[in-house]
Amino acid sequence: MAKKENRQFCFGKKSTLLICIGLALVFVCLGQPLTAICAEGQGETGWAVPEYYPDRFDGTGRIGRITVDEIVINDSLYRLSPNAEFATPTRKHALRAWFEVGNRVAYITNTKHEIISLWLIE
């Protein structure tokens, strides 16, 4: 009768399963940046993002304050580029005046960390 080989592993079955699940979650998170919103899919609020919205944004949040040249989004202060563009779900070219405190927005910044485009989400 052949003797069964006794192998010892560093991890038990539960530990191995947890490690595999953890690695899978890491790979999923790497493929889906938290601030990215897909224009073809659904927005964060569950409505379809207009087709003229960009595929990705640099960030999203709620407006805390907005002036002619500055905006506070989620307690972070940003300068608005002098050439900043604005858009809403119904207008590709909107006015800055249409953006108010409390609006959820998405934005794109330049290398100077100025917002060059602001997009109304809700």
PDB file of N, CA and C in Angstrom:
ATOM      1  N   MET A   1       0.832  -1.180   0.000  1.00  0.00           N
ATOM      2  CA  MET A   1       0.000   0.000   0.000  1.00  0.00           C
ATOM      3  C   MET A   1       0.880   1.247   0.000  1.00  0.00           C
ATOM      4  N   ALA A   2       0.569   2.156  -0.910  1.00  0.00           N
ATOM      5  CA  ALA A   2       1.383   3.367  -1.027  1.00  0.00           C
ATOM      6  C   ALA A   2       1.028   4.335   0.080  1.00  0.00           C
ATOM      7  N   LYS A   3       2.045   4.929   0.628  1.00  0.00           N
ATOM      8  CA  LYS A   3       1.844   5.896   1.702  1.00  0.00           C
ATOM      9  C   LYS A   3       1.560   7.270   1.098  1.00  0.00           C
ATOM     10  N   LYS A   4       0.510   7.935   1.579  1.00  0.00           N
ATOM     11  CA  LYS A   4       0.169   9.269   1.072  1.00  0.00           C
ATOM     12  C   LYS A   4       1.197  10.278   1.558  1.00  0.00           C
ATOM     13  N   GLU A   5       1.542  11.162   0.635  1.00  0.00           N
ATOM     14  CA  GLU A   5       2.505  12.191   0.966  1.00  0.00           C
ATOM     15  C   GLU A   5       1.831  13.255   1.820  1.00  0.00           C
ATOM     16  N   ASN A   6       2.434  13.655   2.883  1.00  0.00           N
ATOM     17  CA  ASN A   6       1.863  14.640   3.797  1.00  0.00           C
ATOM     18  C   ASN A   6       2.491  16.002   3.480  1.00  0.00           C
ATOM     19  N   ARG A   7       1.723  16.873   2.852  1.00  0.00           N
ATOM     20  CA  ARG A   7       2.224  18.208   2.498  1.00  0.00           C
ATOM     21  C   ARG A   7       1.690  19.227   3.491  1.00  0.00           C
ATOM     22  N   GLN A   8       2.536  20.127   3.873  1.00  0.00           N
ATOM     23  CA  GLN A   8       2.115  21.192   4.773  1.00  0.00           C
ATOM     24  C   GLN A   8       2.130  22.502   4.019  1.00  0.00           C
ATOM     25  N   PHE A   9       1.103  23.280   4.199  1.00  0.00           N
ATOM     26  CA  PHE A   9       0.993  24.574   3.547  1.00  0.00           C
ATOM     27  C   PHE A   9       1.136  25.677   4.592  1.00  0.00           C
ATOM     28  N   CYS A  10       1.582  26.827   4.117  1.00  0.00           N
ATOM     29  CA  CYS A  10       1.748  27.979   5.004  1.00  0.00           C
ATOM     30  C   CYS A  10       0.395  28.530   5.437  1.00  0.00           C
ATOM     31  N   PHE A  11      -0.578  28.426   4.536  1.00  0.00           N
ATOM     32  CA  PHE A  11      -1.881  29.012   4.801  1.00  0.00           C
ATOM     33  C   PHE A  11      -2.940  27.917   4.788  1.00  0.00           C
ATOM     34  N   GLY A  12      -3.992  28.123   5.576  1.00  0.00           N
ATOM     35  CA  GLY A  12      -5.123  27.218   5.535  1.00  0.00           C
ATOM     36  C   GLY A  12      -6.015  27.576   4.360  1.00  0.00           C
ATOM     37  N   LYS A  13      -7.054  26.803   4.158  1.00  0.00           N
ATOM     38  CA  LYS A  13      -7.964  27.035   3.031  1.00  0.00           C
ATOM     39  C   LYS A  13      -8.658  28.389   3.141  1.00  0.00           C
ATOM     40  N   LYS A  14      -9.069  28.775   4.356  1.00  0.00           N
ATOM     41  CA  LYS A  14      -9.748  30.065   4.536  1.00  0.00           C
ATOM     42  C   LYS A  14      -8.812  31.229   4.250  1.00  0.00           C
ATOM     43  N   SER A  15      -7.578  31.124   4.716  1.00  0.00           N
ATOM     44  CA  SER A  15      -6.604  32.201   4.474  1.00  0.00           C
ATOM     45  C   SER A  15      -6.321  32.348   2.989  1.00  0.00           C
ATOM     46  N   THR A  16      -6.168  31.226   2.293  1.00  0.00           N
ATOM     47  CA  THR A  16      -5.913  31.258   0.861  1.00  0.00           C
ATOM     48  C   THR A  16      -7.075  31.898   0.121  1.00  0.00           C
ATOM     49  N   LEU A  17      -8.298  31.568   0.507  1.00  0.00           N
ATOM     50  CA  LEU A  17      -9.486  32.152  -0.115  1.00  0.00           C
ATOM     51  C   LEU A  17      -9.533  33.658   0.117  1.00  0.00           C
ATOM     52  N   LEU A  18      -9.249  34.091   1.335  1.00  0.00           N
ATOM     53  CA  LEU A  18      -9.266  35.519   1.646  1.00  0.00           C
ATOM     54  C   LEU A  18      -8.193  36.271   0.863  1.00  0.00           C
ATOM     55  N   ILE A  19      -7.033  35.682   0.697  1.00  0.00           N
ATOM     56  CA  ILE A  19      -5.968  36.321  -0.080  1.00  0.00           C
ATOM     57  C   ILE A  19      -6.389  36.453  -1.537  1.00  0.00           C
ATOM     58  N   CYS A  20      -6.988  35.410  -2.088  1.00  0.00           N
ATOM     59  CA  CYS A  20      -7.448  35.461  -3.487  1.00  0.00           C
ATOM     60  C   CYS A  20      -8.518  36.526  -3.677  1.00  0.00           C
ATOM     61  N   ILE A  21      -9.456  36.612  -2.756  1.00  0.00           N
ATOM     62  CA  ILE A  21     -10.500  37.635  -2.839  1.00  0.00           C
ATOM     63  C   ILE A  21      -9.881  39.029  -2.741  1.00  0.00           C
ATOM     64  N   GLY A  22      -8.931  39.200  -1.823  1.00  0.00           N
ATOM     65  CA  GLY A  22      -8.257  40.489  -1.670  1.00  0.00           C
ATOM     66  C   GLY A  22      -7.523  40.906  -2.930  1.00  0.00           C
ATOM     67  N   LEU A  23      -6.808  39.961  -3.539  1.00  0.00           N
ATOM     68  CA  LEU A  23      -6.104  40.274  -4.785  1.00  0.00           C
ATOM     69  C   LEU A  23      -7.076  40.623  -5.908  1.00  0.00           C
ATOM     70  N   ALA A  24      -8.183  39.918  -5.979  1.00  0.00           N
ATOM     71  CA  ALA A  24      -9.187  40.215  -7.002  1.00  0.00           C
ATOM     72  C   ALA A  24      -9.730  41.631  -6.818  1.00  0.00           C
ATOM     73  N   LEU A  25      -9.992  42.018  -5.567  1.00  0.00           N
ATOM     74  CA  LEU A  25     -10.493  43.373  -5.301  1.00  0.00           C
ATOM     75  C   LEU A  25      -9.465  44.430  -5.685  1.00  0.00           C
ATOM     76  N   VAL A  26      -8.198  44.170  -5.423  1.00  0.00           N
ATOM     77  CA  VAL A  26      -7.136  45.116  -5.797  1.00  0.00           C
ATOM     78  C   VAL A  26      -7.124  45.313  -7.311  1.00  0.00           C
ATOM     79  N   PHE A  27      -7.198  44.205  -8.063  1.00  0.00           N
ATOM     80  CA  PHE A  27      -7.186  44.319  -9.522  1.00  0.00           C
ATOM     81  C   PHE A  27      -8.408  45.058 -10.039  1.00  0.00           C
ATOM     82  N   VAL A  28      -9.554  44.847  -9.434  1.00  0.00           N
ATOM     83  CA  VAL A  28     -10.766  45.562  -9.855  1.00  0.00           C
ATOM     84  C   VAL A  28     -10.620  47.047  -9.569  1.00  0.00           C
ATOM     85  N   CYS A  29     -10.105  47.395  -8.387  1.00  0.00           N
ATOM     86  CA  CYS A  29      -9.946  48.807  -8.036  1.00  0.00           C
ATOM     87  C   CYS A  29      -8.927  49.503  -8.924  1.00  0.00           C
ATOM     88  N   LEU A  30      -7.871  48.808  -9.319  1.00  0.00           N
ATOM     89  CA  LEU A  30      -6.882  49.411 -10.201  1.00  0.00           C
ATOM     90  C   LEU A  30      -7.472  49.727 -11.563  1.00  0.00           C
ATOM     91  N   GLY A  31      -8.418  48.944 -12.001  1.00  0.00           N
ATOM     92  CA  GLY A  31      -9.038  49.156 -13.313  1.00  0.00           C
ATOM     93  C   GLY A  31     -10.137  50.190 -13.293  1.00  0.00           C
ATOM     94  N   GLN A  32     -10.606  50.597 -12.131  1.00  0.00           N
ATOM     95  CA  GLN A  32     -11.721  51.537 -12.018  1.00  0.00           C
ATOM     96  C   GLN A  32     -11.360  52.664 -11.053  1.00  0.00           C
ATOM     97  N   PRO A  33     -10.718  53.752 -11.520  1.00  0.00           N
ATOM     98  CA  PRO A  33     -10.423  54.864 -10.633  1.00  0.00           C
ATOM     99  C   PRO A  33     -11.712  55.410 -10.007  1.00  0.00           C
ATOM    100  N   LEU A  34     -11.620  55.793  -8.731  1.00  0.00           N
ATOM    101  CA  LEU A  34     -12.813  56.230  -8.011  1.00  0.00           C
ATOM    102  C   LEU A  34     -13.410  57.509  -8.572  1.00  0.00           C
ATOM    103  N   THR A  35     -12.576  58.369  -9.136  1.00  0.00           N
ATOM    104  CA  THR A  35     -13.116  59.636  -9.635  1.00  0.00           C
ATOM    105  C   THR A  35     -13.570  59.571 -11.072  1.00  0.00           C
ATOM    106  N   ALA A  36     -13.374  58.460 -11.727  1.00  0.00           N
ATOM    107  CA  ALA A  36     -13.743  58.351 -13.142  1.00  0.00           C
ATOM    108  C   ALA A  36     -15.234  58.098 -13.293  1.00  0.00           C
ATOM    109  N   ILE A  37     -15.824  58.764 -14.264  1.00  0.00           N
ATOM    110  CA  ILE A  37     -17.217  58.553 -14.619  1.00  0.00           C
ATOM    111  C   ILE A  37     -17.230  58.292 -16.115  1.00  0.00           C
ATOM    112  N   CYS A  38     -17.858  57.240 -16.545  1.00  0.00           N
ATOM    113  CA  CYS A  38     -17.901  56.935 -17.969  1.00  0.00           C
ATOM    114  C   CYS A  38     -19.069  57.656 -18.621  1.00  0.00           C
ATOM    115  N   ALA A  39     -18.809  58.315 -19.723  1.00  0.00           N
ATOM    116  CA  ALA A  39     -19.866  59.043 -20.420  1.00  0.00           C
ATOM    117  C   ALA A  39     -20.879  58.100 -21.051  1.00  0.00           C
ATOM    118  N   GLU A  40     -20.445  56.901 -21.451  1.00  0.00           N
ATOM    119  CA  GLU A  40     -21.381  55.976 -22.068  1.00  0.00           C
ATOM    120  C   GLU A  40     -22.266  55.275 -21.042  1.00  0.00           C
ATOM    121  N   GLY A  41     -21.835  55.239 -19.805  1.00  0.00           N
ATOM    122  CA  GLY A  41     -22.576  54.500 -18.781  1.00  0.00           C
ATOM    123  C   GLY A  41     -23.502  55.389 -17.993  1.00  0.00           C
ATOM    124  N   GLN A  42     -23.633  55.073 -16.758  1.00  0.00           N
ATOM    125  CA  GLN A  42     -24.496  55.819 -15.861  1.00  0.00           C
ATOM    126  C   GLN A  42     -23.646  56.732 -14.995  1.00  0.00           C
ATOM    127  N   GLY A  43     -24.158  57.891 -14.656  1.00  0.00           N
ATOM    128  CA  GLY A  43     -23.486  58.791 -13.748  1.00  0.00           C
ATOM    129  C   GLY A  43     -23.598  58.266 -12.330  1.00  0.00           C
ATOM    130  N   GLU A  44     -22.980  58.973 -11.386  1.00  0.00           N
ATOM    131  CA  GLU A  44     -23.016  58.551  -9.991  1.00  0.00           C
ATOM    132  C   GLU A  44     -24.438  58.544  -9.438  1.00  0.00           C
ATOM    133  N   THR A  45     -25.300  59.339 -10.010  1.00  0.00           N
ATOM    134  CA  THR A  45     -26.655  59.448  -9.486  1.00  0.00           C
ATOM    135  C   THR A  45     -27.621  58.508 -10.177  1.00  0.00           C
ATOM    136  N   GLY A  46     -27.177  57.733 -11.154  1.00  0.00           N
ATOM    137  CA  GLY A  46     -28.031  56.755 -11.795  1.00  0.00           C
ATOM    138  C   GLY A  46     -28.672  57.228 -13.085  1.00  0.00           C
ATOM    139  N   TRP A  47     -28.404  58.438 -13.546  1.00  0.00           N
ATOM    140  CA  TRP A  47     -28.978  58.908 -14.801  1.00  0.00           C
ATOM    141  C   TRP A  47     -27.922  58.815 -15.889  1.00  0.00           C
ATOM    142  N   ALA A  48     -28.367  58.731 -17.102  1.00  0.00           N
ATOM    143  CA  ALA A  48     -27.445  58.603 -18.237  1.00  0.00           C
ATOM    144  C   ALA A  48     -26.713  59.918 -18.454  1.00  0.00           C
ATOM    145  N   VAL A  49     -25.391  59.854 -18.525  1.00  0.00           N
ATOM    146  CA  VAL A  49     -24.574  61.038 -18.752  1.00  0.00           C
ATOM    147  C   VAL A  49     -24.685  61.408 -20.230  1.00  0.00           C
ATOM    148  N   PRO A  50     -24.911  62.695 -20.544  1.00  0.00           N
ATOM    149  CA  PRO A  50     -25.027  63.098 -21.949  1.00  0.00           C
ATOM    150  C   PRO A  50     -23.802  62.684 -22.761  1.00  0.00           C
ATOM    151  N   GLU A  51     -24.022  62.422 -24.009  1.00  0.00           N
ATOM    152  CA  GLU A  51     -22.973  61.903 -24.881  1.00  0.00           C
ATOM    153  C   GLU A  51     -21.828  62.900 -25.096  1.00  0.00           C
ATOM    154  N   TYR A  52     -22.077  64.201 -24.929  1.00  0.00           N
ATOM    155  CA  TYR A  52     -21.013  65.184 -25.115  1.00  0.00           C
ATOM    156  C   TYR A  52     -20.155  65.383 -23.866  1.00  0.00           C
ATOM    157  N   TYR A  53     -20.490  64.712 -22.750  1.00  0.00           N
ATOM    158  CA  TYR A  53     -19.647  64.767 -21.563  1.00  0.00           C
ATOM    159  C   TYR A  53     -18.395  63.927 -21.827  1.00  0.00           C
ATOM    160  N   PRO A  54     -17.246  64.306 -21.250  1.00  0.00           N
ATOM    161  CA  PRO A  54     -16.018  63.538 -21.486  1.00  0.00           C
ATOM    162  C   PRO A  54     -16.068  62.147 -20.843  1.00  0.00           C
ATOM    163  N   ASP A  55     -15.180  61.281 -21.282  1.00  0.00           N
ATOM    164  CA  ASP A  55     -15.109  59.924 -20.736  1.00  0.00           C
ATOM    165  C   ASP A  55     -14.630  59.913 -19.290  1.00  0.00           C
ATOM    166  N   ARG A  56     -13.747  60.817 -18.939  1.00  0.00           N
ATOM    167  CA  ARG A  56     -13.186  60.848 -17.585  1.00  0.00           C
ATOM    168  C   ARG A  56     -13.077  62.287 -17.073  1.00  0.00           C
ATOM    169  N   PHE A  57     -13.172  62.395 -15.742  1.00  0.00           N
ATOM    170  CA  PHE A  57     -13.017  63.678 -15.071  1.00  0.00           C
ATOM    171  C   PHE A  57     -11.870  63.549 -14.065  1.00  0.00           C
ATOM    172  N   ASP A  58     -11.338  64.689 -13.645  1.00  0.00           N
ATOM    173  CA  ASP A  58     -10.290  64.673 -12.625  1.00  0.00           C
ATOM    174  C   ASP A  58     -10.874  64.594 -11.223  1.00  0.00           C
ATOM    175  N   GLY A  59     -12.138  64.925 -11.078  1.00  0.00           N
ATOM    176  CA  GLY A  59     -12.777  64.844  -9.777  1.00  0.00           C
ATOM    177  C   GLY A  59     -14.243  65.202  -9.839  1.00  0.00           C
ATOM    178  N   THR A  60     -14.934  64.889  -8.754  1.00  0.00           N
ATOM    179  CA  THR A  60     -16.349  65.230  -8.627  1.00  0.00           C
ATOM    180  C   THR A  60     -16.605  65.712  -7.214  1.00  0.00           C
ATOM    181  N   GLY A  61     -17.715  66.375  -7.024  1.00  0.00           N
ATOM    182  CA  GLY A  61     -18.086  66.811  -5.678  1.00  0.00           C
ATOM    183  C   GLY A  61     -19.193  67.836  -5.722  1.00  0.00           C
ATOM    184  N   ARG A  62     -19.472  68.398  -4.551  1.00  0.00           N
ATOM    185  CA  ARG A  62     -20.516  69.419  -4.425  1.00  0.00           C
ATOM    186  C   ARG A  62     -19.874  70.787  -4.269  1.00  0.00           C
ATOM    187  N   ILE A  63     -20.488  71.762  -4.914  1.00  0.00           N
ATOM    188  CA  ILE A  63     -19.994  73.139  -4.827  1.00  0.00           C
ATOM    189  C   ILE A  63     -20.313  73.693  -3.441  1.00  0.00           C
ATOM    190  N   GLY A  64     -19.265  74.200  -2.782  1.00  0.00           N
ATOM    191  CA  GLY A  64     -19.442  74.858  -1.483  1.00  0.00           C
ATOM    192  C   GLY A  64     -19.488  76.363  -1.620  1.00  0.00           C
ATOM    193  N   ARG A  65     -18.781  76.867  -2.633  1.00  0.00           N
ATOM    194  CA  ARG A  65     -18.746  78.308  -2.905  1.00  0.00           C
ATOM    195  C   ARG A  65     -18.268  78.472  -4.328  1.00  0.00           C
ATOM    196  N   ILE A  66     -18.776  79.499  -5.006  1.00  0.00           N
ATOM    197  CA  ILE A  66     -18.321  79.780  -6.377  1.00  0.00           C
ATOM    198  C   ILE A  66     -18.312  81.287  -6.593  1.00  0.00           C
ATOM    199  N   THR A  67     -17.187  81.783  -7.139  1.00  0.00           N
ATOM    200  CA  THR A  67     -17.051  83.200  -7.494  1.00  0.00           C
ATOM    201  C   THR A  67     -16.619  83.260  -8.951  1.00  0.00           C
ATOM    202  N   VAL A  68     -16.276  84.450  -9.393  1.00  0.00           N
ATOM    203  CA  VAL A  68     -15.874  84.643 -10.782  1.00  0.00           C
ATOM    204  C   VAL A  68     -14.612  83.844 -11.114  1.00  0.00           C
ATOM    205  N   ASP A  69     -13.653  83.782 -10.166  1.00  0.00           N
ATOM    206  CA  ASP A  69     -12.382  83.125 -10.487  1.00  0.00           C
ATOM    207  C   ASP A  69     -11.997  81.971  -9.556  1.00  0.00           C
ATOM    208  N   GLU A  70     -12.859  81.613  -8.606  1.00  0.00           N
ATOM    209  CA  GLU A  70     -12.566  80.510  -7.685  1.00  0.00           C
ATOM    210  C   GLU A  70     -13.812  79.669  -7.439  1.00  0.00           C
ATOM    211  N   ILE A  71     -13.556  78.437  -7.017  1.00  0.00           N
ATOM    212  CA  ILE A  71     -14.656  77.551  -6.660  1.00  0.00           C
ATOM    213  C   ILE A  71     -14.179  76.605  -5.553  1.00  0.00           C
ATOM    214  N   VAL A  72     -15.059  76.326  -4.624  1.00  0.00           N
ATOM    215  CA  VAL A  72     -14.770  75.341  -3.580  1.00  0.00           C
ATOM    216  C   VAL A  72     -15.630  74.122  -3.875  1.00  0.00           C
ATOM    217  N   ILE A  73     -14.959  72.978  -4.037  1.00  0.00           N
ATOM    218  CA  ILE A  73     -15.640  71.709  -4.277  1.00  0.00           C
ATOM    219  C   ILE A  73     -15.181  70.741  -3.197  1.00  0.00           C
ATOM    220  N   ASN A  74     -16.132  70.217  -2.437  1.00  0.00           N
ATOM    221  CA  ASN A  74     -15.821  69.299  -1.335  1.00  0.00           C
ATOM    222  C   ASN A  74     -14.718  69.853  -0.436  1.00  0.00           C
ATOM    223  N   ASP A  75     -14.840  71.092  -0.026  1.00  0.00           N
ATOM    224  CA  ASP A  75     -13.899  71.760   0.882  1.00  0.00           C
ATOM    225  C   ASP A  75     -12.508  71.978   0.301  1.00  0.00           C
ATOM    226  N   SER A  76     -12.333  71.835  -1.008  1.00  0.00           N
ATOM    227  CA  SER A  76     -11.051  72.121  -1.661  1.00  0.00           C
ATOM    228  C   SER A  76     -11.231  73.332  -2.575  1.00  0.00           C
ATOM    229  N   LEU A  77     -10.304  74.280  -2.457  1.00  0.00           N
ATOM    230  CA  LEU A  77     -10.358  75.506  -3.249  1.00  0.00           C
ATOM    231  C   LEU A  77      -9.621  75.314  -4.570  1.00  0.00           C
ATOM    232  N   TYR A  78     -10.260  75.713  -5.654  1.00  0.00           N
ATOM    233  CA  TYR A  78      -9.668  75.662  -6.988  1.00  0.00           C
ATOM    234  C   TYR A  78      -9.815  77.016  -7.637  1.00  0.00           C
ATOM    235  N   ARG A  79      -8.830  77.368  -8.458  1.00  0.00           N
ATOM    236  CA  ARG A  79      -8.966  78.560  -9.297  1.00  0.00           C
ATOM    237  C   ARG A  79      -9.655  78.126 -10.578  1.00  0.00           C
ATOM    238  N   LEU A  80     -10.530  78.976 -11.082  1.00  0.00           N
ATOM    239  CA  LEU A  80     -11.149  78.744 -12.382  1.00  0.00           C
ATOM    240  C   LEU A  80     -10.274  79.386 -13.439  1.00  0.00           C
ATOM    241  N   SER A  81      -9.912  78.638 -14.445  1.00  0.00           N
ATOM    242  CA  SER A  81      -9.137  79.180 -15.554  1.00  0.00           C
ATOM    243  C   SER A  81      -9.932  80.314 -16.206  1.00  0.00           C
ATOM    244  N   PRO A  82      -9.257  81.357 -16.669  1.00  0.00           N
ATOM    245  CA  PRO A  82      -9.980  82.438 -17.355  1.00  0.00           C
ATOM    246  C   PRO A  82     -10.767  81.934 -18.571  1.00  0.00           C
ATOM    247  N   ASN A  83     -10.337  80.811 -19.142  1.00  0.00           N
ATOM    248  CA  ASN A  83     -11.011  80.246 -20.312  1.00  0.00           C
ATOM    249  C   ASN A  83     -11.852  79.019 -19.954  1.00  0.00           C
ATOM    250  N   ALA A  84     -12.231  78.889 -18.692  1.00  0.00           N
ATOM    251  CA  ALA A  84     -12.993  77.712 -18.251  1.00  0.00           C
ATOM    252  C   ALA A  84     -14.305  77.585 -19.017  1.00  0.00           C
ATOM    253  N   GLU A  85     -14.641  76.342 -19.331  1.00  0.00           N
ATOM    254  CA  GLU A  85     -15.899  76.052 -20.019  1.00  0.00           C
ATOM    255  C   GLU A  85     -16.850  75.370 -19.050  1.00  0.00           C
ATOM    256  N   PHE A  86     -18.134  75.567 -19.273  1.00  0.00           N
ATOM    257  CA  PHE A  86     -19.161  75.018 -18.399  1.00  0.00           C
ATOM    258  C   PHE A  86     -20.188  74.273 -19.243  1.00  0.00           C
ATOM    259  N   ALA A  87     -20.723  73.184 -18.678  1.00  0.00           N
ATOM    260  CA  ALA A  87     -21.735  72.404 -19.399  1.00  0.00           C
ATOM    261  C   ALA A  87     -22.736  71.824 -18.405  1.00  0.00           C
ATOM    262  N   THR A  88     -23.955  71.650 -18.882  1.00  0.00           N
ATOM    263  CA  THR A  88     -25.017  71.024 -18.091  1.00  0.00           C
ATOM    264  C   THR A  88     -25.567  69.851 -18.909  1.00  0.00           C
ATOM    265  N   PRO A  89     -26.382  69.007 -18.296  1.00  0.00           N
ATOM    266  CA  PRO A  89     -26.959  67.892 -19.057  1.00  0.00           C
ATOM    267  C   PRO A  89     -27.814  68.328 -20.245  1.00  0.00           C
ATOM    268  N   THR A  90     -28.288  69.565 -20.224  1.00  0.00           N
ATOM    269  CA  THR A  90     -29.128  70.035 -21.329  1.00  0.00           C
ATOM    270  C   THR A  90     -28.430  71.027 -22.251  1.00  0.00           C
ATOM    271  N   ARG A  91     -27.281  71.556 -21.825  1.00  0.00           N
ATOM    272  CA  ARG A  91     -26.561  72.556 -22.634  1.00  0.00           C
ATOM    273  C   ARG A  91     -25.074  72.228 -22.685  1.00  0.00           C
ATOM    274  N   LYS A  92     -24.555  72.062 -23.890  1.00  0.00           N
ATOM    275  CA  LYS A  92     -23.128  71.780 -24.054  1.00  0.00           C
ATOM    276  C   LYS A  92     -22.280  72.995 -23.667  1.00  0.00           C
ATOM    277  N   HIS A  93     -22.808  74.189 -23.917  1.00  0.00           N
ATOM    278  CA  HIS A  93     -22.120  75.431 -23.567  1.00  0.00           C
ATOM    279  C   HIS A  93     -23.034  76.204 -22.624  1.00  0.00           C
ATOM    280  N   ALA A  94     -22.672  76.209 -21.356  1.00  0.00           N
ATOM    281  CA  ALA A  94     -23.501  76.847 -20.330  1.00  0.00           C
ATOM    282  C   ALA A  94     -22.774  78.064 -19.752  1.00  0.00           C
ATOM    283  N   LEU A  95     -23.484  78.805 -18.934  1.00  0.00           N
ATOM    284  CA  LEU A  95     -22.918  79.969 -18.256  1.00  0.00           C
ATOM    285  C   LEU A  95     -22.493  79.592 -16.841  1.00  0.00           C
ATOM    286  N   ARG A  96     -21.432  80.242 -16.367  1.00  0.00           N
ATOM    287  CA  ARG A  96     -20.976  80.002 -14.991  1.00  0.00           C
ATOM    288  C   ARG A  96     -22.083  80.324 -13.995  1.00  0.00           C
ATOM    289  N   ALA A  97     -22.890  81.295 -14.301  1.00  0.00           N
ATOM    290  CA  ALA A  97     -23.966  81.725 -13.406  1.00  0.00           C
ATOM    291  C   ALA A  97     -24.988  80.620 -13.141  1.00  0.00           C
ATOM    292  N   TRP A  98     -25.042  79.608 -13.975  1.00  0.00           N
ATOM    293  CA  TRP A  98     -26.003  78.516 -13.789  1.00  0.00           C
ATOM    294  C   TRP A  98     -25.545  77.520 -12.739  1.00  0.00           C
ATOM    295  N   PHE A  99     -24.309  77.647 -12.277  1.00  0.00           N
ATOM    296  CA  PHE A  99     -23.762  76.739 -11.267  1.00  0.00           C
ATOM    297  C   PHE A  99     -23.902  77.379  -9.898  1.00  0.00           C
ATOM    298  N   GLU A 100     -24.511  76.628  -8.969  1.00  0.00           N
ATOM    299  CA  GLU A 100     -24.835  77.174  -7.650  1.00  0.00           C
ATOM    300  C   GLU A 100     -24.285  76.296  -6.538  1.00  0.00           C
ATOM    301  N   VAL A 101     -24.214  76.894  -5.355  1.00  0.00           N
ATOM    302  CA  VAL A 101     -23.813  76.150  -4.160  1.00  0.00           C
ATOM    303  C   VAL A 101     -24.751  74.954  -3.988  1.00  0.00           C
ATOM    304  N   GLY A 102     -24.162  73.790  -3.732  1.00  0.00           N
ATOM    305  CA  GLY A 102     -24.942  72.573  -3.535  1.00  0.00           C
ATOM    306  C   GLY A 102     -25.021  71.686  -4.766  1.00  0.00           C
ATOM    307  N   ASN A 103     -24.742  72.244  -5.964  1.00  0.00           N
ATOM    308  CA  ASN A 103     -24.757  71.426  -7.182  1.00  0.00           C
ATOM    309  C   ASN A 103     -23.659  70.375  -7.125  1.00  0.00           C
ATOM    310  N   ARG A 104     -23.973  69.169  -7.625  1.00  0.00           N
ATOM    311  CA  ARG A 104     -22.937  68.143  -7.797  1.00  0.00           C
ATOM    312  C   ARG A 104     -22.333  68.368  -9.169  1.00  0.00           C
ATOM    313  N   VAL A 105     -20.997  68.450  -9.199  1.00  0.00           N
ATOM    314  CA  VAL A 105     -20.284  68.740 -10.433  1.00  0.00           C
ATOM    315  C   VAL A 105     -19.119  67.773 -10.631  1.00  0.00           C
ATOM    316  N   ALA A 106     -18.649  67.714 -11.861  1.00  0.00           N
ATOM    317  CA  ALA A 106     -17.416  67.028 -12.209  1.00  0.00           C
ATOM    318  C   ALA A 106     -16.525  68.074 -12.873  1.00  0.00           C
ATOM    319  N   TYR A 107     -15.211  67.885 -12.772  1.00  0.00           N
ATOM    320  CA  TYR A 107     -14.320  68.905 -13.317  1.00  0.00           C
ATOM    321  C   TYR A 107     -13.066  68.284 -13.923  1.00  0.00           C
ATOM    322  N   ILE A 108     -12.445  69.077 -14.776  1.00  0.00           N
ATOM    323  CA  ILE A 108     -11.160  68.728 -15.382  1.00  0.00           C
ATOM    324  C   ILE A 108     -10.213  69.883 -15.081  1.00  0.00           C
ATOM    325  N   THR A 109      -8.988  69.556 -14.657  1.00  0.00           N
ATOM    326  CA  THR A 109      -8.003  70.575 -14.315  1.00  0.00           C
ATOM    327  C   THR A 109      -6.833  70.558 -15.303  1.00  0.00           C
ATOM    328  N   ASN A 110      -6.099  71.667 -15.323  1.00  0.00           N
ATOM    329  CA  ASN A 110      -4.887  71.732 -16.133  1.00  0.00           C
ATOM    330  C   ASN A 110      -3.669  71.488 -15.246  1.00  0.00           C
ATOM    331  N   THR A 111      -2.470  71.657 -15.793  1.00  0.00           N
ATOM    332  CA  THR A 111      -1.246  71.403 -15.028  1.00  0.00           C
ATOM    333  C   THR A 111      -1.041  72.406 -13.895  1.00  0.00           C
ATOM    334  N   LYS A 112      -1.698  73.554 -13.974  1.00  0.00           N
ATOM    335  CA  LYS A 112      -1.622  74.560 -12.901  1.00  0.00           C
ATOM    336  C   LYS A 112      -2.641  74.295 -11.797  1.00  0.00           C
ATOM    337  N   HIS A 113      -3.373  73.198 -11.895  1.00  0.00           N
ATOM    338  CA  HIS A 113      -4.425  72.813 -10.952  1.00  0.00           C
ATOM    339  C   HIS A 113      -5.616  73.779 -11.004  1.00  0.00           C
ATOM    340  N   GLU A 114      -5.777  74.440 -12.159  1.00  0.00           N
ATOM    341  CA  GLU A 114      -6.944  75.298 -12.383  1.00  0.00           C
ATOM    342  C   GLU A 114      -8.015  74.458 -13.075  1.00  0.00           C
ATOM    343  N   ILE A 115      -9.254  74.737 -12.753  1.00  0.00           N
ATOM    344  CA  ILE A 115     -10.351  74.035 -13.434  1.00  0.00           C
ATOM    345  C   ILE A 115     -10.532  74.664 -14.811  1.00  0.00           C
ATOM    346  N   ILE A 116     -10.437  73.794 -15.838  1.00  0.00           N
ATOM    347  CA  ILE A 116     -10.616  74.286 -17.214  1.00  0.00           C
ATOM    348  C   ILE A 116     -11.989  73.931 -17.761  1.00  0.00           C
ATOM    349  N   SER A 117     -12.671  72.967 -17.124  1.00  0.00           N
ATOM    350  CA  SER A 117     -14.049  72.685 -17.509  1.00  0.00           C
ATOM    351  C   SER A 117     -14.817  72.139 -16.314  1.00  0.00           C
ATOM    352  N   LEU A 118     -16.054  72.578 -16.198  1.00  0.00           N
ATOM    353  CA  LEU A 118     -16.925  72.203 -15.102  1.00  0.00           C
ATOM    354  C   LEU A 118     -18.225  71.669 -15.680  1.00  0.00           C
ATOM    355  N   TRP A 119     -18.625  70.507 -15.194  1.00  0.00           N
ATOM    356  CA  TRP A 119     -19.767  69.783 -15.759  1.00  0.00           C
ATOM    357  C   TRP A 119     -20.782  69.519 -14.665  1.00  0.00           C
ATOM    358  N   LEU A 120     -22.006  69.961 -14.859  1.00  0.00           N
ATOM    359  CA  LEU A 120     -23.071  69.727 -13.888  1.00  0.00           C
ATOM    360  C   LEU A 120     -23.502  68.266 -13.940  1.00  0.00           C
ATOM    361  N   ILE A 121     -23.513  67.623 -12.784  1.00  0.00           N
ATOM    362  CA  ILE A 121     -23.935  66.232 -12.695  1.00  0.00           C
ATOM    363  C   ILE A 121     -25.391  66.137 -12.240  1.00  0.00           C
ATOM    364  N   GLU A 122     -25.757  66.971 -11.277  1.00  0.00           N
ATOM    365  CA  GLU A 122     -27.163  67.017 -10.845  1.00  0.00           C
ATOM    366  C   GLU A 122     -27.485  68.387 -10.297  1.00  0.00           C
TER     367      GLU A 122
END
